């Protein structure tokens, strides 16, 4: 398994499997990765969410880890293939 921030690591397979649905395993979430979305779904306004962050109540990564990983792969591909 590869994580955008932590790199490669070992991860066990799915604990529960269903015949009708193939298992899907991805990297673990970043701490705070979904904080803004969850608070918004709970009804908090963007200004309130920013206030919570300013007060140190919640936090999240400064940049999107998925976008960062995609950019890293693009740069690696460019370095090896020139495209």
C-alpha atoms as a PDB file:
ATOM      1  CA  UNK A   1       0.000   0.000   0.000  1.00  0.00           C
ATOM      2  CA  UNK A   2       1.227   3.509  -0.700  1.00  0.00           C
ATOM      3  CA  UNK A   3       0.167   6.595   1.251  1.00  0.00           C
ATOM      4  CA  UNK A   4       0.563  10.137  -0.161  1.00  0.00           C
ATOM      5  CA  UNK A   5       2.303  11.379   2.995  1.00  0.00           C
ATOM      6  CA  UNK A   6       3.773   8.329   4.705  1.00  0.00           C
ATOM      7  CA  UNK A   7       4.959   6.387   1.660  1.00  0.00           C
ATOM      8  CA  UNK A   8       4.803   2.615   1.266  1.00  0.00           C
ATOM      9  CA  UNK A   9       3.535   0.443   4.094  1.00  0.00           C
ATOM     10  CA  UNK A  10       2.086  -3.020   4.678  1.00  0.00           C
ATOM     11  CA  UNK A  11      -1.639  -3.362   5.215  1.00  0.00           C
ATOM     12  CA  UNK A  12      -3.681  -6.494   5.853  1.00  0.00           C
ATOM     13  CA  UNK A  13      -6.432  -7.473   3.464  1.00  0.00           C
ATOM     14  CA  UNK A  14     -10.115  -6.864   4.062  1.00  0.00           C
ATOM     15  CA  UNK A  15     -11.458  -8.309   7.304  1.00  0.00           C
ATOM     16  CA  UNK A  16     -14.911  -8.959   5.851  1.00  0.00           C
ATOM     17  CA  UNK A  17     -15.542 -10.035   2.278  1.00  0.00           C
ATOM     18  CA  UNK A  18     -18.856 -10.376   0.464  1.00  0.00           C
ATOM     19  CA  UNK A  19     -19.410 -12.544  -2.594  1.00  0.00           C
ATOM     20  CA  UNK A  20     -21.479  -9.840  -4.290  1.00  0.00           C
ATOM     21  CA  UNK A  21     -19.021  -6.968  -3.713  1.00  0.00           C
ATOM     22  CA  UNK A  22     -15.285  -7.130  -4.350  1.00  0.00           C
ATOM     23  CA  UNK A  23     -13.174  -5.639  -1.548  1.00  0.00           C
ATOM     24  CA  UNK A  24     -11.680  -2.202  -1.969  1.00  0.00           C
ATOM     25  CA  UNK A  25      -8.644  -1.130   0.025  1.00  0.00           C
ATOM     26  CA  UNK A  26      -7.060   2.294  -0.140  1.00  0.00           C
ATOM     27  CA  UNK A  27      -4.631   4.306   1.938  1.00  0.00           C
ATOM     28  CA  UNK A  28      -5.677   5.522   5.355  1.00  0.00           C
ATOM     29  CA  UNK A  29      -7.111   9.017   5.676  1.00  0.00           C
ATOM     30  CA  UNK A  30      -4.926  11.929   6.708  1.00  0.00           C
ATOM     31  CA  UNK A  31      -5.709  13.318  10.167  1.00  0.00           C
ATOM     32  CA  UNK A  32      -8.371  15.977   9.627  1.00  0.00           C
ATOM     33  CA  UNK A  33      -8.747  15.168   5.934  1.00  0.00           C
ATOM     34  CA  UNK A  34     -12.561  15.161   6.094  1.00  0.00           C
ATOM     35  CA  UNK A  35     -13.061  17.689   8.905  1.00  0.00           C
ATOM     36  CA  UNK A  36     -14.342  20.566   6.771  1.00  0.00           C
ATOM     37  CA  UNK A  37     -16.746  18.392   4.806  1.00  0.00           C
ATOM     38  CA  UNK A  38     -18.158  16.728   7.929  1.00  0.00           C
ATOM     39  CA  UNK A  39     -18.652  20.044   9.726  1.00  0.00           C
ATOM     40  CA  UNK A  40     -20.345  21.480   6.630  1.00  0.00           C
ATOM     41  CA  UNK A  41     -22.645  18.441   6.457  1.00  0.00           C
ATOM     42  CA  UNK A  42     -23.514  19.052  10.115  1.00  0.00           C
ATOM     43  CA  UNK A  43     -24.665  22.551   9.166  1.00  0.00           C
ATOM     44  CA  UNK A  44     -21.697  24.735  10.124  1.00  0.00           C
ATOM     45  CA  UNK A  45     -20.999  27.722   7.880  1.00  0.00           C
ATOM     46  CA  UNK A  46     -17.531  28.139   6.294  1.00  0.00           C
ATOM     47  CA  UNK A  47     -16.773  31.125   8.557  1.00  0.00           C
ATOM     48  CA  UNK A  48     -17.611  29.051  11.643  1.00  0.00           C
ATOM     49  CA  UNK A  49     -15.379  26.215  10.461  1.00  0.00           C
ATOM     50  CA  UNK A  50     -12.483  28.630   9.872  1.00  0.00           C
ATOM     51  CA  UNK A  51     -13.073  30.082  13.356  1.00  0.00           C
ATOM     52  CA  UNK A  52     -12.837  26.573  14.846  1.00  0.00           C
ATOM     53  CA  UNK A  53      -9.511  26.116  13.063  1.00  0.00           C
ATOM     54  CA  UNK A  54      -8.207  29.535  14.127  1.00  0.00           C
ATOM     55  CA  UNK A  55      -9.043  28.638  17.741  1.00  0.00           C
ATOM     56  CA  UNK A  56      -7.264  25.268  17.441  1.00  0.00           C
ATOM     57  CA  UNK A  57     -10.477  23.305  17.924  1.00  0.00           C
ATOM     58  CA  UNK A  58     -10.089  21.414  14.643  1.00  0.00           C
ATOM     59  CA  UNK A  59      -7.366  21.057  12.057  1.00  0.00           C
ATOM     60  CA  UNK A  60      -6.649  19.614   8.644  1.00  0.00           C
ATOM     61  CA  UNK A  61      -3.732  19.185   6.241  1.00  0.00           C
ATOM     62  CA  UNK A  62      -2.695  22.396   4.501  1.00  0.00           C
ATOM     63  CA  UNK A  63      -2.838  20.781   1.104  1.00  0.00           C
ATOM     64  CA  UNK A  64      -4.943  18.024  -0.376  1.00  0.00           C
ATOM     65  CA  UNK A  65      -2.987  14.734   0.015  1.00  0.00           C
ATOM     66  CA  UNK A  66      -4.648  13.169  -3.031  1.00  0.00           C
ATOM     67  CA  UNK A  67      -3.752  16.144  -5.223  1.00  0.00           C
ATOM     68  CA  UNK A  68      -0.208  16.096  -3.803  1.00  0.00           C
ATOM     69  CA  UNK A  69       0.165  12.371  -4.600  1.00  0.00           C
ATOM     70  CA  UNK A  70      -1.147  12.904  -8.142  1.00  0.00           C
ATOM     71  CA  UNK A  71       1.325  15.752  -8.655  1.00  0.00           C
ATOM     72  CA  UNK A  72       4.176  13.584  -7.330  1.00  0.00           C
ATOM     73  CA  UNK A  73       3.251  10.802  -9.785  1.00  0.00           C
ATOM     74  CA  UNK A  74       3.051  13.326 -12.640  1.00  0.00           C
ATOM     75  CA  UNK A  75       6.511  14.679 -11.821  1.00  0.00           C
ATOM     76  CA  UNK A  76       7.954  11.167 -11.548  1.00  0.00           C
ATOM     77  CA  UNK A  77       6.431  10.182 -14.904  1.00  0.00           C
ATOM     78  CA  UNK A  78       7.756  13.376 -16.489  1.00  0.00           C
ATOM     79  CA  UNK A  79      11.241  12.690 -15.117  1.00  0.00           C
ATOM     80  CA  UNK A  80      11.305   9.115 -16.437  1.00  0.00           C
ATOM     81  CA  UNK A  81       9.453   9.445 -19.756  1.00  0.00           C
ATOM     82  CA  UNK A  82       9.642  13.131 -20.597  1.00  0.00           C
ATOM     83  CA  UNK A  83       5.825  13.202 -20.934  1.00  0.00           C
END
